[in-house]
C-alpha atoms as a PDB file:
ATOM      1  CA  MET A   1     148.434 229.742  77.003  1.00  0.00           C
ATOM      2  CA  ASP A   2     150.995 230.411  74.315  1.00  0.00           C
ATOM      3  CA  THR A   3     149.462 228.084  71.739  1.00  0.00           C
ATOM      4  CA  PRO A   4     147.242 229.963  69.226  1.00  0.00           C
ATOM      5  CA  GLY A   5     144.866 227.011  68.882  1.00  0.00           C
ATOM      6  CA  LEU A   6     144.420 226.784  72.629  1.00  0.00           C
ATOM      7  CA  LYS A   7     143.782 230.525  72.918  1.00  0.00           C
ATOM      8  CA  LYS A   8     141.126 230.320  70.218  1.00  0.00           C
ATOM      9  CA  ALA A   9     139.472 227.349  71.921  1.00  0.00           C
ATOM     10  CA  MET A  10     139.394 229.146  75.256  1.00  0.00           C
ATOM     11  CA  THR A  11     137.965 232.305  73.680  1.00  0.00           C
ATOM     12  CA  THR A  12     135.284 230.276  71.918  1.00  0.00           C
ATOM     13  CA  LEU A  13     134.469 228.410  75.116  1.00  0.00           C
ATOM     14  CA  GLU A  14     134.118 231.634  77.083  1.00  0.00           C
ATOM     15  CA  PHE A  15     131.834 233.108  74.416  1.00  0.00           C
ATOM     16  CA  LEU A  16     129.648 230.026  74.191  1.00  0.00           C
ATOM     17  CA  SER A  17     129.317 229.682  77.938  1.00  0.00           C
ATOM     18  CA  GLN A  18     128.017 233.257  78.188  1.00  0.00           C
ATOM     19  CA  ASN A  19     125.507 233.105  75.339  1.00  0.00           C
ATOM     20  CA  LYS A  20     122.886 230.328  75.206  1.00  0.00           C
ATOM     21  CA  GLU A  21     121.816 231.184  71.649  1.00  0.00           C
ATOM     22  CA  ALA A  22     125.381 231.005  70.411  1.00  0.00           C
ATOM     23  CA  ARG A  23     125.808 227.685  72.198  1.00  0.00           C
ATOM     24  CA  ALA A  24     122.662 226.291  70.555  1.00  0.00           C
ATOM     25  CA  LEU A  25     123.822 227.470  67.122  1.00  0.00           C
ATOM     26  CA  TYR A  26     127.237 225.945  67.748  1.00  0.00           C
ATOM     27  CA  GLU A  27     125.682 222.604  68.717  1.00  0.00           C
ATOM     28  CA  MET A  28     123.410 222.623  65.640  1.00  0.00           C
ATOM     29  CA  ARG A  29     126.355 223.384  63.357  1.00  0.00           C
ATOM     30  CA  LYS A  30     128.465 220.699  64.994  1.00  0.00           C
ATOM     31  CA  LYS A  31     125.651 218.153  64.559  1.00  0.00           C
ATOM     32  CA  ALA A  32     125.196 219.149  60.911  1.00  0.00           C
ATOM     33  CA  LEU A  33     128.911 218.679  60.249  1.00  0.00           C
ATOM     34  CA  LEU A  34     128.909 215.270  61.942  1.00  0.00           C
ATOM     35  CA  ASP A  35     125.795 214.216  59.997  1.00  0.00           C
ATOM     36  CA  GLU A  36     127.382 215.331  56.735  1.00  0.00           C
ATOM     37  CA  GLN A  37     130.587 213.411  57.482  1.00  0.00           C
ATOM     38  CA  SER A  38     128.588 210.331  58.408  1.00  0.00           C
ATOM     39  CA  ALA A  39     126.674 210.505  55.113  1.00  0.00           C
ATOM     40  CA  LEU A  40     129.925 210.865  53.168  1.00  0.00           C
ATOM     41  CA  ASP A  41     131.490 207.920  54.996  1.00  0.00           C
ATOM     42  CA  TYR A  42     128.435 205.772  54.259  1.00  0.00           C
ATOM     43  CA  ALA A  43     128.429 206.726  50.571  1.00  0.00           C
ATOM     44  CA  GLU A  44     132.137 205.969  50.269  1.00  0.00           C
ATOM     45  CA  SER A  45     131.729 202.609  51.976  1.00  0.00           C
ATOM     46  CA  ARG A  46     128.779 201.709  49.769  1.00  0.00           C
ATOM     47  CA  GLY A  47     130.660 202.767  46.645  1.00  0.00           C
ATOM     48  CA  ARG A  48     133.600 200.564  47.565  1.00  0.00           C
ATOM     49  CA  ALA A  49     131.330 197.575  48.188  1.00  0.00           C
ATOM     50  CA  GLU A  50     129.584 198.076  44.843  1.00  0.00           C
ATOM     51  CA  GLY A  51     132.943 198.397  43.093  1.00  0.00           C
ATOM     52  CA  LYS A  52     134.193 195.163  44.634  1.00  0.00           C
ATOM     53  CA  LEU A  53     131.033 193.351  43.569  1.00  0.00           C
ATOM     54  CA  GLU A  54     131.308 194.671  40.009  1.00  0.00           C
ATOM     55  CA  GLY A  55     134.952 193.625  39.881  1.00  0.00           C
ATOM     56  CA  LYS A  56     134.133 190.126  41.106  1.00  0.00           C
ATOM     57  CA  THR A  57     131.323 189.743  38.586  1.00  0.00           C
ATOM     58  CA  GLU A  58     133.601 190.902  35.774  1.00  0.00           C
ATOM     59  CA  ARG A  59     136.289 188.429  36.860  1.00  0.00           C
ATOM     60  CA  ASP A  60     133.707 185.613  37.031  1.00  0.00           C
ATOM     61  CA  LYS A  61     132.683 186.416  33.452  1.00  0.00           C
ATOM     62  CA  GLU A  62     136.318 186.331  32.316  1.00  0.00           C
ATOM     63  CA  ILE A  63     136.771 182.928  33.942  1.00  0.00           C
ATOM     64  CA  ALA A  64     133.518 181.689  32.396  1.00  0.00           C
ATOM     65  CA  ALA A  65     134.623 182.872  28.944  1.00  0.00           C
ATOM     66  CA  SER A  66     137.910 181.031  29.324  1.00  0.00           C
ATOM     67  CA  MET A  67     136.104 177.868  30.430  1.00  0.00           C
ATOM     68  CA  LEU A  68     133.690 178.132  27.483  1.00  0.00           C
ATOM     69  CA  GLN A  69     136.609 178.429  25.082  1.00  0.00           C
ATOM     70  CA  LYS A  70     138.020 175.221  26.561  1.00  0.00           C
ATOM     71  CA  GLY A  71     134.707 173.492  25.849  1.00  0.00           C
ATOM     72  CA  LEU A  72     133.634 172.895  29.438  1.00  0.00           C
ATOM     73  CA  PRO A  73     129.918 172.339  30.106  1.00  0.00           C
ATOM     74  CA  VAL A  74     127.752 175.310  31.058  1.00  0.00           C
ATOM     75  CA  SER A  75     126.538 173.556  34.218  1.00  0.00           C
ATOM     76  CA  LEU A  76     130.120 173.142  35.469  1.00  0.00           C
ATOM     77  CA  ILE A  77     130.962 176.753  34.633  1.00  0.00           C
ATOM     78  CA  ALA A  78     127.886 177.910  36.563  1.00  0.00           C
ATOM     79  CA  GLU A  79     128.910 175.812  39.552  1.00  0.00           C
ATOM     80  CA  VAL A  80     132.482 177.128  39.554  1.00  0.00           C
ATOM     81  CA  THR A  81     131.773 180.823  38.879  1.00  0.00           C
ATOM     82  CA  GLY A  82     128.428 181.295  40.585  1.00  0.00           C
ATOM     83  CA  LEU A  83     126.994 182.798  37.393  1.00  0.00           C
ATOM     84  CA  SER A  84     123.632 181.549  36.177  1.00  0.00           C
ATOM     85  CA  GLU A  85     123.456 179.251  33.176  1.00  0.00           C
ATOM     86  CA  THR A  86     121.501 181.990  31.378  1.00  0.00           C
ATOM     87  CA  GLU A  87     124.340 184.476  31.954  1.00  0.00           C
ATOM     88  CA  ILE A  88     126.876 181.944  30.704  1.00  0.00           C
ATOM     89  CA  GLU A  89     124.839 181.144  27.592  1.00  0.00           C
ATOM     90  CA  ALA A  90     124.539 184.872  26.831  1.00  0.00           C
ATOM     91  CA  LEU A  91     128.294 185.189  27.268  1.00  0.00           C
ATOM     92  CA  ASN A  92     128.802 182.230  24.932  1.00  0.00           C
ATOM     93  CA  LYS A  93     126.700 183.960  22.252  1.00  0.00           C
ATOM     94  CA  LYS A  94     128.903 187.054  22.529  1.00  0.00           C
ATOM     95  CA  LEU A  95     132.002 184.923  22.046  1.00  0.00           C
ATOM     96  CA  HIS A  96     130.719 183.325  18.842  1.00  0.00           C
END
């Protein structure tokens, strides 16, 4: 056992196996850390998904604006971009 990490693990294991209270506290702390990491992972994943959606919506609006400037009908723009006709008409008002 020349590795410091292994020595520490063995010492901790010996301590925990002798003391039930310490073992329970260790398990609670371990669970809390895992729960916290899980919450952070979920928040990060959700943030990425929201960011992708916002980026797609912004790109759809840019495409719609370009199509409006070319004089294409609102119904066609809605079909191509997935934006509602109301959103496209509001965008058209901003352009003019």
